[in-house]
Amino acid sequence: MHELRIFKQAMVLLKETKELCQLYHIKPARARGQNFLVKEEIYDKMIAAADLNKDDVVLEIGPGLGFLTAELAKRVKKVIAVEIDKRLAEILEARLMAQGVKNVEVVNMDILKFSIFNFQFSNNFKVVANLPYNITSIFLRKFLSMEHKPEMMALMLQKEVAERIVAKPPKMSLLAVSVQFYAEPEIIEVAPANNFWPKPKVDSAIIKLKVHSRREVDEKNFFRLVKIGFSAKRKMLKNNLAAGYHISQDEAEEKIKQAGFNPKIRAQELSVEEWTKLFDYFK
């Protein structure tokens, strides 16, 4: 019975999405990752992942037709909805006005050019986003490394990318270290491709990022070390570090041993905490 109710809800949402696209002459653009989520249960999981309260300010990226936007607005103080597509931004404003939603500010802008300092954010804000796959890495780098970070992110990402982000040793990657340096990631729910229209080629996943307090580390040089470490995946870490820092392999091996690690270790076998420990010997 529960499955039947969910199926009917999905059909209603799919029908409404298609009707709105037809009404406003919208043709979803694959290049912009315009695959509309048409399953209410997944919207609910994203909202739950963001752990919202009435005092929150939420930055929503890629609001599309505004189904999630309207639900966020019911639960928080303010939503700033950033939509790159001018036509969709205009439609979203009109739909929200018709619904009497007054605590949403729609911004027609590329999120990668967006500056939080141009808007009235409280000290803390949260991010909820159905991100286009092609901007995931650069988006995460921008919002996790900036001075005024969000306290929480609930993101819809490509499933494979989400799995890489939450990976543990011995399956770490540059992406995993880059995200886990700033936040604690957790996959909340897998969203198969048939939950979207048009149906994408890959499955997605909701990932929750609980952002850490700032680490007392020289970030620029720390990430230089990590990038050098991952520069050649199949090589041992000492080989990559020797080449990247222009030192002998013996010297690189000695530093790795001093940090307490096996000299034959590879980059993907180190956790973020172990990278910070190793960094003490490569400052």
C-alpha atoms as a PDB file:
ATOM      1  CA  MET A   1       0.000   0.000   0.000  1.00  0.00           C
ATOM      2  CA  HIS A   2       2.852   2.365   0.916  1.00  0.00           C
ATOM      3  CA  GLU A   3       4.637   1.607  -2.364  1.00  0.00           C
ATOM      4  CA  LEU A   4       1.423   2.280  -4.309  1.00  0.00           C
ATOM      5  CA  ARG A   5       0.982   5.681  -2.634  1.00  0.00           C
ATOM      6  CA  ILE A   6       4.586   6.634  -3.433  1.00  0.00           C
ATOM      7  CA  PHE A   7       4.124   5.501  -7.044  1.00  0.00           C
ATOM      8  CA  LYS A   8       0.966   7.638  -7.401  1.00  0.00           C
ATOM      9  CA  GLN A   9       2.750  10.682  -5.909  1.00  0.00           C
ATOM     10  CA  ALA A  10       5.609  10.235  -8.381  1.00  0.00           C
ATOM     11  CA  MET A  11       3.160  10.020 -11.291  1.00  0.00           C
ATOM     12  CA  VAL A  12       1.427  13.233 -10.156  1.00  0.00           C
ATOM     13  CA  LEU A  13       4.741  15.077  -9.815  1.00  0.00           C
ATOM     14  CA  LEU A  14       5.944  13.807 -13.197  1.00  0.00           C
ATOM     15  CA  LYS A  15       2.667  14.867 -14.839  1.00  0.00           C
ATOM     16  CA  GLU A  16       2.827  18.328 -13.245  1.00  0.00           C
ATOM     17  CA  THR A  17       6.481  18.761 -14.277  1.00  0.00           C
ATOM     18  CA  LYS A  18       5.739  17.847 -17.888  1.00  0.00           C
ATOM     19  CA  GLU A  19       2.669  20.120 -17.967  1.00  0.00           C
ATOM     20  CA  LEU A  20       4.670  23.074 -16.610  1.00  0.00           C
ATOM     21  CA  CYS A  21       7.423  22.493 -19.157  1.00  0.00           C
ATOM     22  CA  GLN A  22       4.834  22.379 -21.929  1.00  0.00           C
ATOM     23  CA  LEU A  23       3.037  25.478 -20.625  1.00  0.00           C
ATOM     24  CA  TYR A  24       6.228  27.536 -20.420  1.00  0.00           C
ATOM     25  CA  HIS A  25       7.885  26.006 -23.498  1.00  0.00           C
ATOM     26  CA  ILE A  26      10.781  24.569 -21.492  1.00  0.00           C
ATOM     27  CA  LYS A  27      13.030  21.988 -23.100  1.00  0.00           C
ATOM     28  CA  PRO A  28      15.310  20.543 -20.374  1.00  0.00           C
ATOM     29  CA  ALA A  29      18.933  21.192 -21.342  1.00  0.00           C
ATOM     30  CA  ARG A  30      21.218  18.206 -20.762  1.00  0.00           C
ATOM     31  CA  ALA A  31      24.265  20.518 -20.901  1.00  0.00           C
ATOM     32  CA  ARG A  32      22.983  22.318 -17.795  1.00  0.00           C
ATOM     33  CA  GLY A  33      22.049  19.136 -15.961  1.00  0.00           C
ATOM     34  CA  GLN A  34      18.331  19.927 -16.154  1.00  0.00           C
ATOM     35  CA  ASN A  35      16.935  16.591 -15.019  1.00  0.00           C
ATOM     36  CA  PHE A  36      13.940  17.414 -12.840  1.00  0.00           C
ATOM     37  CA  LEU A  37      13.436  15.318  -9.702  1.00  0.00           C
ATOM     38  CA  VAL A  38       9.915  13.850  -9.803  1.00  0.00           C
ATOM     39  CA  LYS A  39       9.764  11.804  -6.608  1.00  0.00           C
ATOM     40  CA  GLU A  40       8.383  13.502  -3.507  1.00  0.00           C
ATOM     41  CA  GLU A  41       9.992  10.975  -1.160  1.00  0.00           C
ATOM     42  CA  ILE A  42      13.461  12.007  -2.377  1.00  0.00           C
ATOM     43  CA  TYR A  43      12.622  15.686  -1.808  1.00  0.00           C
ATOM     44  CA  ASP A  44      11.654  14.756   1.762  1.00  0.00           C
ATOM     45  CA  LYS A  45      14.983  12.951   2.267  1.00  0.00           C
ATOM     46  CA  MET A  46      16.928  16.019   1.062  1.00  0.00           C
ATOM     47  CA  ILE A  47      15.010  18.275   3.449  1.00  0.00           C
ATOM     48  CA  ALA A  48      15.611  15.876   6.348  1.00  0.00           C
ATOM     49  CA  ALA A  49      19.336  15.698   5.530  1.00  0.00           C
ATOM     50  CA  ALA A  50      19.660  19.488   5.813  1.00  0.00           C
ATOM     51  CA  ASP A  51      18.406  19.369   9.434  1.00  0.00           C
ATOM     52  CA  LEU A  52      16.453  22.620   9.042  1.00  0.00           C
ATOM     53  CA  ASN A  53      14.948  24.959  11.626  1.00  0.00           C
ATOM     54  CA  LYS A  54      12.917  28.184  11.508  1.00  0.00           C
ATOM     55  CA  ASP A  55      15.976  30.451  11.953  1.00  0.00           C
ATOM     56  CA  ASP A  56      17.944  28.980   9.043  1.00  0.00           C
ATOM     57  CA  VAL A  57      18.952  30.771   5.867  1.00  0.00           C
ATOM     58  CA  VAL A  58      19.234  28.306   2.990  1.00  0.00           C
ATOM     59  CA  LEU A  59      21.120  28.736  -0.247  1.00  0.00           C
ATOM     60  CA  GLU A  60      19.401  26.539  -2.836  1.00  0.00           C
ATOM     61  CA  ILE A  61      21.225  25.848  -6.083  1.00  0.00           C
ATOM     62  CA  GLY A  62      19.357  24.741  -9.198  1.00  0.00           C
ATOM     63  CA  PRO A  63      15.778  25.219  -7.895  1.00  0.00           C
ATOM     64  CA  GLY A  64      14.276  24.481 -11.317  1.00  0.00           C
ATOM     65  CA  LEU A  65      10.473  24.628 -11.147  1.00  0.00           C
ATOM     66  CA  GLY A  66      10.510  25.220  -7.401  1.00  0.00           C
ATOM     67  CA  PHE A  67       8.917  22.101  -5.896  1.00  0.00           C
ATOM     68  CA  LEU A  68      11.730  21.795  -3.339  1.00  0.00           C
ATOM     69  CA  THR A  69      12.002  25.590  -2.959  1.00  0.00           C
ATOM     70  CA  ALA A  70       8.417  25.907  -1.732  1.00  0.00           C
ATOM     71  CA  GLU A  71       8.919  23.124   0.821  1.00  0.00           C
ATOM     72  CA  LEU A  72      12.154  24.698   2.090  1.00  0.00           C
ATOM     73  CA  ALA A  73      10.415  28.066   2.451  1.00  0.00           C
ATOM     74  CA  LYS A  74       7.836  26.543   4.828  1.00  0.00           C
ATOM     75  CA  ARG A  75      10.581  25.417   7.186  1.00  0.00           C
ATOM     76  CA  VAL A  76      13.176  28.220   7.277  1.00  0.00           C
ATOM     77  CA  LYS A  77      13.592  31.971   7.710  1.00  0.00           C
ATOM     78  CA  LYS A  78      14.761  32.627   4.153  1.00  0.00           C
ATOM     79  CA  VAL A  79      15.719  30.810   0.945  1.00  0.00           C
ATOM     80  CA  ILE A  80      18.069  32.302  -1.631  1.00  0.00           C
ATOM     81  CA  ALA A  81      17.436  30.287  -4.797  1.00  0.00           C
ATOM     82  CA  VAL A  82      20.183  30.576  -7.423  1.00  0.00           C
ATOM     83  CA  GLU A  83      19.133  29.533 -10.919  1.00  0.00           C
ATOM     84  CA  ILE A  84      21.417  29.948 -13.944  1.00  0.00           C
ATOM     85  CA  ASP A  85      18.599  29.615 -16.505  1.00  0.00           C
ATOM     86  CA  LYS A  86      16.935  33.032 -16.983  1.00  0.00           C
ATOM     87  CA  ARG A  87      13.645  31.550 -18.176  1.00  0.00           C
ATOM     88  CA  LEU A  88      13.438  29.123 -15.247  1.00  0.00           C
ATOM     89  CA  ALA A  89      14.269  31.915 -12.792  1.00  0.00           C
ATOM     90  CA  GLU A  90      11.370  34.014 -14.143  1.00  0.00           C
ATOM     91  CA  ILE A  91       8.979  31.059 -13.981  1.00  0.00           C
ATOM     92  CA  LEU A  92      10.097  30.246 -10.438  1.00  0.00           C
ATOM     93  CA  GLU A  93       9.448  33.820  -9.281  1.00  0.00           C
ATOM     94  CA  ALA A  94       5.979  33.762 -10.841  1.00  0.00           C
ATOM     95  CA  ARG A  95       5.100  30.375  -9.313  1.00  0.00           C
ATOM     96  CA  LEU A  96       6.254  31.395  -5.837  1.00  0.00           C
ATOM     97  CA  MET A  97       4.305  34.653  -6.054  1.00  0.00           C
ATOM     98  CA  ALA A  98       1.171  32.749  -7.101  1.00  0.00           C
ATOM     99  CA  GLN A  99       1.623  30.443  -4.080  1.00  0.00           C
ATOM    100  CA  GLY A 100       2.032  33.409  -1.736  1.00  0.00           C
ATOM    101  CA  VAL A 101       5.614  32.468  -0.807  1.00  0.00           C
ATOM    102  CA  LYS A 102       7.376  35.628   0.403  1.00  0.00           C
ATOM    103  CA  ASN A 103      10.608  34.435   2.029  1.00  0.00           C
ATOM    104  CA  VAL A 104      12.385  33.329  -1.166  1.00  0.00           C
ATOM    105  CA  GLU A 105      14.796  35.511  -3.141  1.00  0.00           C
ATOM    106  CA  VAL A 106      15.373  34.209  -6.667  1.00  0.00           C
ATOM    107  CA  VAL A 107      18.775  35.023  -8.147  1.00  0.00           C
ATOM    108  CA  ASN A 108      19.461  34.472 -11.847  1.00  0.00           C
ATOM    109  CA  MET A 109      23.177  33.696 -11.742  1.00  0.00           C
ATOM    110  CA  ASP A 110      25.837  31.057 -12.266  1.00  0.00           C
ATOM    111  CA  ILE A 111      26.489  29.661  -8.774  1.00  0.00           C
ATOM    112  CA  LEU A 112      30.216  29.556  -9.530  1.00  0.00           C
ATOM    113  CA  LYS A 113      30.140  33.379  -9.844  1.00  0.00           C
ATOM    114  CA  PHE A 114      27.919  33.857  -6.789  1.00  0.00           C
ATOM    115  CA  SER A 115      29.312  35.751  -3.779  1.00  0.00           C
ATOM    116  CA  ILE A 116      27.667  35.345  -0.398  1.00  0.00           C
ATOM    117  CA  PHE A 117      28.878  38.809   0.588  1.00  0.00           C
ATOM    118  CA  ASN A 118      26.335  40.374  -1.795  1.00  0.00           C
ATOM    119  CA  PHE A 119      23.487  38.888   0.250  1.00  0.00           C
ATOM    120  CA  GLN A 120      22.324  39.119   3.831  1.00  0.00           C
ATOM    121  CA  PHE A 121      23.372  35.794   5.303  1.00  0.00           C
ATOM    122  CA  SER A 122      23.274  35.105   9.002  1.00  0.00           C
ATOM    123  CA  ASN A 123      26.536  33.883  10.532  1.00  0.00           C
ATOM    124  CA  ASN A 124      25.493  30.365   9.598  1.00  0.00           C
ATOM    125  CA  PHE A 125      23.733  29.168   6.485  1.00  0.00           C
ATOM    126  CA  LYS A 126      22.977  25.844   4.849  1.00  0.00           C
ATOM    127  CA  VAL A 127      23.171  24.681   1.253  1.00  0.00           C
ATOM    128  CA  VAL A 128      20.605  22.474  -0.473  1.00  0.00           C
ATOM    129  CA  ALA A 129      21.354  21.646  -4.098  1.00  0.00           C
ATOM    130  CA  ASN A 130      20.565  19.354  -6.989  1.00  0.00           C
ATOM    131  CA  LEU A 131      23.933  19.975  -8.636  1.00  0.00           C
ATOM    132  CA  PRO A 132      24.713  19.574 -12.330  1.00  0.00           C
ATOM    133  CA  TYR A 133      27.287  16.788 -12.491  1.00  0.00           C
ATOM    134  CA  ASN A 134      29.787  18.846 -14.463  1.00  0.00           C
ATOM    135  CA  ILE A 135      30.314  21.484 -11.738  1.00  0.00           C
ATOM    136  CA  THR A 136      30.433  19.248  -8.642  1.00  0.00           C
ATOM    137  CA  SER A 137      34.181  19.381  -7.942  1.00  0.00           C
ATOM    138  CA  ILE A 138      34.624  23.098  -8.559  1.00  0.00           C
ATOM    139  CA  PHE A 139      31.454  23.890  -6.560  1.00  0.00           C
ATOM    140  CA  LEU A 140      32.686  21.882  -3.566  1.00  0.00           C
ATOM    141  CA  ARG A 141      36.108  23.528  -3.747  1.00  0.00           C
ATOM    142  CA  LYS A 142      34.538  27.001  -3.851  1.00  0.00           C
ATOM    143  CA  PHE A 143      32.098  26.578  -0.971  1.00  0.00           C
ATOM    144  CA  LEU A 144      34.222  24.431   1.335  1.00  0.00           C
ATOM    145  CA  SER A 145      37.390  26.515   1.083  1.00  0.00           C
ATOM    146  CA  MET A 146      35.869  29.982   1.454  1.00  0.00           C
ATOM    147  CA  GLU A 147      36.132  31.921   4.709  1.00  0.00           C
ATOM    148  CA  HIS A 148      32.378  31.995   5.435  1.00  0.00           C
ATOM    149  CA  LYS A 149      31.487  28.339   4.975  1.00  0.00           C
ATOM    150  CA  PRO A 150      28.013  26.805   5.199  1.00  0.00           C
ATOM    151  CA  GLU A 151      27.463  24.746   8.331  1.00  0.00           C
ATOM    152  CA  MET A 152      25.697  21.985   6.433  1.00  0.00           C
ATOM    153  CA  MET A 153      25.143  20.842   2.861  1.00  0.00           C
ATOM    154  CA  ALA A 154      22.513  18.455   1.510  1.00  0.00           C
ATOM    155  CA  LEU A 155      23.439  17.720  -2.095  1.00  0.00           C
ATOM    156  CA  MET A 156      22.139  15.553  -4.899  1.00  0.00           C
ATOM    157  CA  LEU A 157      25.198  14.249  -6.722  1.00  0.00           C
ATOM    158  CA  GLN A 158      26.088  11.575  -9.212  1.00  0.00           C
ATOM    159  CA  LYS A 159      26.138   8.317  -7.200  1.00  0.00           C
ATOM    160  CA  GLU A 160      29.680   7.456  -8.260  1.00  0.00           C
ATOM    161  CA  VAL A 161      30.953  10.881  -7.150  1.00  0.00           C
ATOM    162  CA  ALA A 162      29.155  10.600  -3.800  1.00  0.00           C
ATOM    163  CA  GLU A 163      30.781   7.198  -3.226  1.00  0.00           C
ATOM    164  CA  ARG A 164      34.217   8.655  -4.004  1.00  0.00           C
ATOM    165  CA  ILE A 165      33.628  11.496  -1.537  1.00  0.00           C
ATOM    166  CA  VAL A 166      32.756   9.188   1.390  1.00  0.00           C
ATOM    167  CA  ALA A 167      35.528   6.676   0.628  1.00  0.00           C
ATOM    168  CA  LYS A 168      37.904   5.461   3.354  1.00  0.00           C
ATOM    169  CA  PRO A 169      41.454   4.099   3.108  1.00  0.00           C
ATOM    170  CA  PRO A 170      42.587   2.223   1.021  1.00  0.00           C
ATOM    171  CA  LYS A 171      40.186   3.822  -1.501  1.00  0.00           C
ATOM    172  CA  MET A 172      40.870   7.485  -0.879  1.00  0.00           C
ATOM    173  CA  SER A 173      41.228   9.982  -3.744  1.00  0.00           C
ATOM    174  CA  LEU A 174      42.145  13.621  -4.111  1.00  0.00           C
ATOM    175  CA  LEU A 175      38.408  14.426  -4.091  1.00  0.00           C
ATOM    176  CA  ALA A 176      37.823  12.421  -0.887  1.00  0.00           C
ATOM    177  CA  VAL A 177      40.690  14.141   0.929  1.00  0.00           C
ATOM    178  CA  SER A 178      39.607  17.570  -0.373  1.00  0.00           C
ATOM    179  CA  VAL A 179      36.052  17.169   0.959  1.00  0.00           C
ATOM    180  CA  GLN A 180      36.842  15.267   4.175  1.00  0.00           C
ATOM    181  CA  PHE A 181      39.427  17.907   5.119  1.00  0.00           C
ATOM    182  CA  TYR A 182      36.514  20.331   5.544  1.00  0.00           C
ATOM    183  CA  ALA A 183      33.485  18.164   6.261  1.00  0.00           C
ATOM    184  CA  GLU A 184      32.098  14.848   7.454  1.00  0.00           C
ATOM    185  CA  PRO A 185      30.296  13.269   4.470  1.00  0.00           C
ATOM    186  CA  GLU A 186      27.481  10.725   4.619  1.00  0.00           C
ATOM    187  CA  ILE A 187      25.384   9.170   1.859  1.00  0.00           C
ATOM    188  CA  ILE A 188      21.738   9.441   2.926  1.00  0.00           C
ATOM    189  CA  GLU A 189      19.892   7.838   0.026  1.00  0.00           C
ATOM    190  CA  VAL A 190      20.533   6.514  -3.462  1.00  0.00           C
ATOM    191  CA  ALA A 191      18.198   8.018  -6.079  1.00  0.00           C
ATOM    192  CA  PRO A 192      17.993   5.796  -9.182  1.00  0.00           C
ATOM    193  CA  ALA A 193      17.851   7.501 -12.572  1.00  0.00           C
ATOM    194  CA  ASN A 194      14.125   6.789 -12.981  1.00  0.00           C
ATOM    195  CA  ASN A 195      13.397   9.329 -10.215  1.00  0.00           C
ATOM    196  CA  PHE A 196      14.236  12.113 -12.690  1.00  0.00           C
ATOM    197  CA  TRP A 197      12.769  13.493 -15.897  1.00  0.00           C
ATOM    198  CA  PRO A 198      14.274  13.391 -18.418  1.00  0.00           C
ATOM    199  CA  LYS A 199      15.946  10.221 -17.162  1.00  0.00           C
ATOM    200  CA  PRO A 200      19.733  10.711 -16.848  1.00  0.00           C
ATOM    201  CA  LYS A 201      22.229   8.025 -17.788  1.00  0.00           C
ATOM    202  CA  VAL A 202      23.450   7.479 -14.214  1.00  0.00           C
ATOM    203  CA  ASP A 203      22.023   7.096 -10.715  1.00  0.00           C
ATOM    204  CA  SER A 204      22.291   9.864  -8.143  1.00  0.00           C
ATOM    205  CA  ALA A 205      22.640  10.008  -4.365  1.00  0.00           C
ATOM    206  CA  ILE A 206      21.830  12.448  -1.584  1.00  0.00           C
ATOM    207  CA  ILE A 207      24.951  13.263   0.375  1.00  0.00           C
ATOM    208  CA  LYS A 208      25.058  15.180   3.649  1.00  0.00           C
ATOM    209  CA  LEU A 209      28.160  17.245   4.475  1.00  0.00           C
ATOM    210  CA  LYS A 210      28.519  18.403   8.062  1.00  0.00           C
ATOM    211  CA  VAL A 211      31.196  21.093   7.886  1.00  0.00           C
ATOM    212  CA  HIS A 212      34.032  21.027  10.462  1.00  0.00           C
ATOM    213  CA  SER A 213      35.398  23.985  12.359  1.00  0.00           C
ATOM    214  CA  ARG A 214      38.496  25.427  10.674  1.00  0.00           C
ATOM    215  CA  ARG A 215      41.665  23.298  10.852  1.00  0.00           C
ATOM    216  CA  GLU A 216      44.865  25.011  11.964  1.00  0.00           C
ATOM    217  CA  VAL A 217      46.787  23.980   8.858  1.00  0.00           C
ATOM    218  CA  ASP A 218      48.452  25.897   6.028  1.00  0.00           C
ATOM    219  CA  GLU A 219      45.811  24.868   3.488  1.00  0.00           C
ATOM    220  CA  LYS A 220      47.677  25.952   0.367  1.00  0.00           C
ATOM    221  CA  ASN A 221      50.788  23.893   1.129  1.00  0.00           C
ATOM    222  CA  PHE A 222      48.787  21.030   2.642  1.00  0.00           C
ATOM    223  CA  PHE A 223      46.898  20.562  -0.629  1.00  0.00           C
ATOM    224  CA  ARG A 224      50.132  20.932  -2.581  1.00  0.00           C
ATOM    225  CA  LEU A 225      51.381  17.867  -0.668  1.00  0.00           C
ATOM    226  CA  VAL A 226      48.157  15.935  -1.309  1.00  0.00           C
ATOM    227  CA  LYS A 227      48.094  16.776  -5.037  1.00  0.00           C
ATOM    228  CA  ILE A 228      51.714  15.677  -5.382  1.00  0.00           C
ATOM    229  CA  GLY A 229      50.901  12.496  -3.474  1.00  0.00           C
ATOM    230  CA  PHE A 230      48.082  11.605  -5.885  1.00  0.00           C
ATOM    231  CA  SER A 231      49.947  12.731  -9.011  1.00  0.00           C
ATOM    232  CA  ALA A 232      50.588   9.153 -10.236  1.00  0.00           C
ATOM    233  CA  LYS A 233      48.058   6.722  -8.783  1.00  0.00           C
ATOM    234  CA  ARG A 234      49.959   3.506  -9.447  1.00  0.00           C
ATOM    235  CA  LYS A 235      53.220   4.655  -7.924  1.00  0.00           C
ATOM    236  CA  MET A 236      54.221   4.430  -4.286  1.00  0.00           C
ATOM    237  CA  LEU A 237      53.816   7.664  -2.335  1.00  0.00           C
ATOM    238  CA  LYS A 238      57.578   8.075  -1.865  1.00  0.00           C
ATOM    239  CA  ASN A 239      58.099   8.154  -5.654  1.00  0.00           C
ATOM    240  CA  ASN A 240      55.483  10.870  -6.152  1.00  0.00           C
ATOM    241  CA  LEU A 241      56.789  12.958  -3.246  1.00  0.00           C
ATOM    242  CA  ALA A 242      60.403  12.649  -4.405  1.00  0.00           C
ATOM    243  CA  ALA A 243      59.462  13.855  -7.897  1.00  0.00           C
ATOM    244  CA  GLY A 244      57.116  16.606  -6.706  1.00  0.00           C
ATOM    245  CA  TYR A 245      59.444  18.052  -4.041  1.00  0.00           C
ATOM    246  CA  HIS A 246      62.640  17.462  -6.077  1.00  0.00           C
ATOM    247  CA  ILE A 247      64.238  15.321  -3.379  1.00  0.00           C
ATOM    248  CA  SER A 248      65.750  11.848  -3.469  1.00  0.00           C
ATOM    249  CA  GLN A 249      63.598   8.775  -2.974  1.00  0.00           C
ATOM    250  CA  ASP A 250      65.653   7.949   0.114  1.00  0.00           C
ATOM    251  CA  GLU A 251      64.836  11.340   1.618  1.00  0.00           C
ATOM    252  CA  ALA A 252      61.129  10.984   0.811  1.00  0.00           C
ATOM    253  CA  GLU A 253      61.123   7.479   2.301  1.00  0.00           C
ATOM    254  CA  GLU A 254      62.801   8.708   5.470  1.00  0.00           C
ATOM    255  CA  LYS A 255      60.180  11.439   5.977  1.00  0.00           C
ATOM    256  CA  ILE A 256      57.369   8.922   5.471  1.00  0.00           C
ATOM    257  CA  LYS A 257      58.962   6.590   8.039  1.00  0.00           C
ATOM    258  CA  GLN A 258      59.437   9.468  10.483  1.00  0.00           C
ATOM    259  CA  ALA A 259      55.707  10.189  10.209  1.00  0.00           C
ATOM    260  CA  GLY A 260      55.079   6.586  11.256  1.00  0.00           C
ATOM    261  CA  PHE A 261      54.020   5.071   7.933  1.00  0.00           C
ATOM    262  CA  ASN A 262      55.147   2.128   5.842  1.00  0.00           C
ATOM    263  CA  PRO A 263      57.606   3.466   3.221  1.00  0.00           C
ATOM    264  CA  LYS A 264      55.760   1.445   0.547  1.00  0.00           C
ATOM    265  CA  ILE A 265      52.417   3.119   1.277  1.00  0.00           C
ATOM    266  CA  ARG A 266      50.364   4.622  -1.549  1.00  0.00           C
ATOM    267  CA  ALA A 267      48.395   7.880  -1.463  1.00  0.00           C
ATOM    268  CA  GLN A 268      44.965   6.196  -1.410  1.00  0.00           C
ATOM    269  CA  GLU A 269      45.852   4.411   1.847  1.00  0.00           C
ATOM    270  CA  LEU A 270      46.074   7.603   3.934  1.00  0.00           C
ATOM    271  CA  SER A 271      43.170   9.251   5.780  1.00  0.00           C
ATOM    272  CA  VAL A 272      42.902  13.046   6.118  1.00  0.00           C
ATOM    273  CA  GLU A 273      44.322  12.880   9.648  1.00  0.00           C
ATOM    274  CA  GLU A 274      47.273  10.848   8.369  1.00  0.00           C
ATOM    275  CA  TRP A 275      47.886  13.386   5.585  1.00  0.00           C
ATOM    276  CA  THR A 276      47.988  16.172   8.187  1.00  0.00           C
ATOM    277  CA  LYS A 277      50.479  14.128  10.193  1.00  0.00           C
ATOM    278  CA  LEU A 278      52.650  13.589   7.116  1.00  0.00           C
ATOM    279  CA  PHE A 279      52.418  17.300   6.308  1.00  0.00           C
ATOM    280  CA  ASP A 280      54.430  18.089   9.460  1.00  0.00           C
ATOM    281  CA  TYR A 281      57.434  16.529   7.715  1.00  0.00           C
ATOM    282  CA  PHE A 282      56.918  18.280   4.356  1.00  0.00           C
ATOM    283  CA  LYS A 283      56.207  21.863   5.408  1.00  0.00           C
END
